[in-house]
Each structure stands twice: as structure tokens, then as C-alpha cells.
Amino acid sequence: MPWWSWVLIWVGLVLALVAVLVLGAIWLWRKLMRLADDLGTLADQAAVLEQVTDEAPPRSVPAVLRDIEQVRRERSVRVARRYERKRVRRQRRLERARRITRLDATTVRWPEAWYGDSSR
């Protein structure tokens, strides 16, 4: 092999090395910027958490120690809320199913290949 082919090989290898290093630096720079954004968000959340007082949350009274009528009312409210959410979910599923299953074939643009060529 002549000497100039070795020069070309080494120049190509050096250029490939520089390209890999540049791509790696760009990759690391993007990760660093993403990390800086996440740290900024974390600092904002930490500032909110620092504003929280050290007071203990109010303790709830166990249901066995409360008035039975109040406990029944609270339970009936929870059950009613759960049934309402369930009804809304079911209604959304039914509406979606009706939307999917109703199709007016006259308004749909079917692929031309489906018609077949009747002129042949």
C-alpha cells in the first residue's frame, strides 16, 4: 500500500472520531439541559413544600364512636357518587359504541381498488 493510502485511512478515522465526539457532546448537552429543567421544576415544588406548616392534620373520629345516622349519610353519599361515576362511564362507553357501529356507507369514500374494473 502506498503511503498516501495510510494518510487517507488515518484522516478518515480521525474524522469519524471527531464526529462521534461531537455527537456524544450534543447528546450530553441535551441531557444536561433536560436535567436543568427538571431541577428547576423540582426547586419550584420544594418551595411549595416549604410553605407547608408542621401542624398535624386533624384526626378523624372512628365510625364506631360517631352517631350512626351521620355515618349512614356519609356512606350513602359515597355510594351515590360511586354509582354516578359508574353510570357516566357506562354512558360514555355506550355512546362510543353507537358512534363506532353506526356508519352511513353512502358518505364513506371507499378505496378505488375495491370497486374492480368493470370496463375490462
Protein backbone atom coordinates (compact mmCIF):
# COMPACT_ATOMS: atom_id res chain seq x y z
CA MET A 1 0.00 0.00 0.00
CA PRO A 2 1.36 3.42 -0.86
CA TRP A 3 1.97 5.95 1.92
CA TRP A 4 -0.90 8.24 0.87
CA SER A 5 -3.47 5.46 1.44
CA TRP A 6 -2.37 5.31 5.08
CA VAL A 7 -2.84 9.05 5.32
CA LEU A 8 -6.36 8.76 3.89
CA ILE A 9 -7.22 5.93 6.29
CA TRP A 10 -5.98 7.89 9.31
CA VAL A 11 -7.73 11.06 8.18
CA GLY A 12 -10.96 9.08 7.82
CA LEU A 13 -10.51 7.54 11.26
CA VAL A 14 -9.81 10.92 12.85
CA LEU A 15 -12.87 12.45 11.15
CA ALA A 16 -15.01 9.55 12.37
CA LEU A 17 -13.64 10.04 15.90
CA VAL A 18 -14.40 13.77 15.79
CA ALA A 19 -17.93 13.06 14.53
CA VAL A 20 -18.55 10.55 17.34
CA LEU A 21 -17.20 13.01 19.92
CA VAL A 22 -19.39 15.83 18.57
CA LEU A 23 -22.50 13.63 18.57
CA GLY A 24 -21.70 12.48 22.11
CA ALA A 25 -21.24 16.08 23.24
CA ILE A 26 -24.58 17.09 21.69
CA TRP A 27 -26.27 14.12 23.37
CA LEU A 28 -24.78 15.03 26.75
CA TRP A 29 -25.68 18.73 26.29
CA ARG A 30 -29.32 17.85 25.64
CA LYS A 31 -29.39 15.62 28.71
CA LEU A 32 -27.83 18.40 30.78
CA MET A 33 -30.44 20.91 29.61
CA ARG A 34 -33.24 18.44 30.39
CA LEU A 35 -31.73 17.88 33.83
CA ALA A 36 -31.58 21.64 34.42
CA ASP A 37 -35.28 21.96 33.53
CA ASP A 38 -36.17 19.09 35.86
CA LEU A 39 -34.13 20.65 38.67
CA GLY A 40 -35.97 23.94 38.15
CA THR A 41 -39.31 22.15 38.40
CA LEU A 42 -38.10 20.30 41.48
CA ALA A 43 -37.00 23.58 43.09
CA ASP A 44 -40.46 25.06 42.45
CA GLN A 45 -42.10 22.03 44.05
CA ALA A 46 -39.71 22.19 47.00
CA ALA A 47 -40.62 25.86 47.52
CA VAL A 48 -44.28 24.89 47.70
CA LEU A 49 -43.49 22.12 50.17
CA GLU A 50 -41.52 24.51 52.39
CA GLN A 51 -44.63 26.63 52.83
CA VAL A 52 -46.49 23.74 54.43
CA THR A 53 -46.88 24.11 58.17
CA ASP A 54 -45.82 21.48 60.65
CA GLU A 55 -49.29 21.20 62.11
CA ALA A 56 -50.64 17.70 62.28
CA PRO A 57 -53.72 17.04 60.14
CA PRO A 58 -56.99 16.88 62.03
CA ARG A 59 -57.64 13.41 63.35
CA SER A 60 -60.79 11.70 62.25
CA VAL A 61 -63.10 10.09 64.71
CA PRO A 62 -63.66 6.37 64.13
CA ALA A 63 -67.09 5.45 62.82
CA VAL A 64 -67.86 3.30 65.86
CA LEU A 65 -67.61 6.41 68.07
CA ARG A 66 -69.80 8.66 65.91
CA ASP A 67 -73.53 8.95 65.52
CA ILE A 68 -74.90 6.11 63.38
CA GLU A 69 -77.09 8.44 61.29
CA GLN A 70 -74.11 10.60 60.33
CA VAL A 71 -72.11 7.51 59.32
CA ARG A 72 -75.02 6.23 57.22
CA ARG A 73 -75.40 9.60 55.48
CA GLU A 74 -71.68 9.74 54.65
CA ARG A 75 -71.77 6.20 53.31
CA SER A 76 -74.85 6.84 51.21
CA VAL A 77 -73.14 9.92 49.71
CA ARG A 78 -70.05 7.83 48.83
CA VAL A 79 -72.17 5.07 47.31
CA ALA A 80 -74.23 7.57 45.30
CA ARG A 81 -71.06 9.22 43.99
CA ARG A 82 -69.62 5.82 43.01
CA TYR A 83 -72.81 4.80 41.19
CA GLU A 84 -72.92 8.13 39.38
CA ARG A 85 -69.33 7.73 38.17
CA LYS A 86 -70.15 4.19 37.06
CA ARG A 87 -73.26 5.40 35.21
CA VAL A 88 -71.30 8.14 33.44
CA ARG A 89 -68.59 5.67 32.39
CA ARG A 90 -71.19 3.24 31.06
CA GLN A 91 -72.95 6.03 29.17
CA ARG A 92 -69.66 7.12 27.57
CA ARG A 93 -68.93 3.52 26.52
CA LEU A 94 -72.40 3.16 25.00
CA GLU A 95 -72.10 6.44 23.10
CA ARG A 96 -68.72 5.39 21.74
CA ALA A 97 -70.10 2.00 20.71
CA ARG A 98 -73.01 3.67 18.93
CA ARG A 99 -70.64 6.03 17.14
CA ILE A 100 -68.46 3.14 16.02
CA THR A 101 -71.26 0.84 14.88
CA ARG A 102 -73.33 3.41 13.01
CA LEU A 103 -71.86 4.03 9.59
CA ASP A 104 -73.52 5.59 6.59
CA ALA A 105 -71.97 3.76 3.63
CA THR A 106 -73.02 6.49 1.21
CA THR A 107 -70.80 9.10 2.88
CA VAL A 108 -67.69 6.90 3.16
CA ARG A 109 -65.02 7.14 0.48
CA TRP A 110 -64.04 3.55 -0.23
CA PRO A 111 -60.72 2.63 -1.91
CA GLU A 112 -60.91 2.54 -5.70
CA ALA A 113 -59.38 -0.95 -5.79
CA TRP A 114 -62.47 -2.34 -4.06
CA TYR A 115 -64.77 -1.45 -6.95
CA GLY A 116 -62.99 -3.52 -9.52
CA ASP A 117 -62.62 -2.56 -13.14
CA SER A 118 -65.87 -3.34 -15.00
CA SER A 119 -64.57 -1.96 -18.32
CA ARG A 120 -62.29 -4.98 -18.94
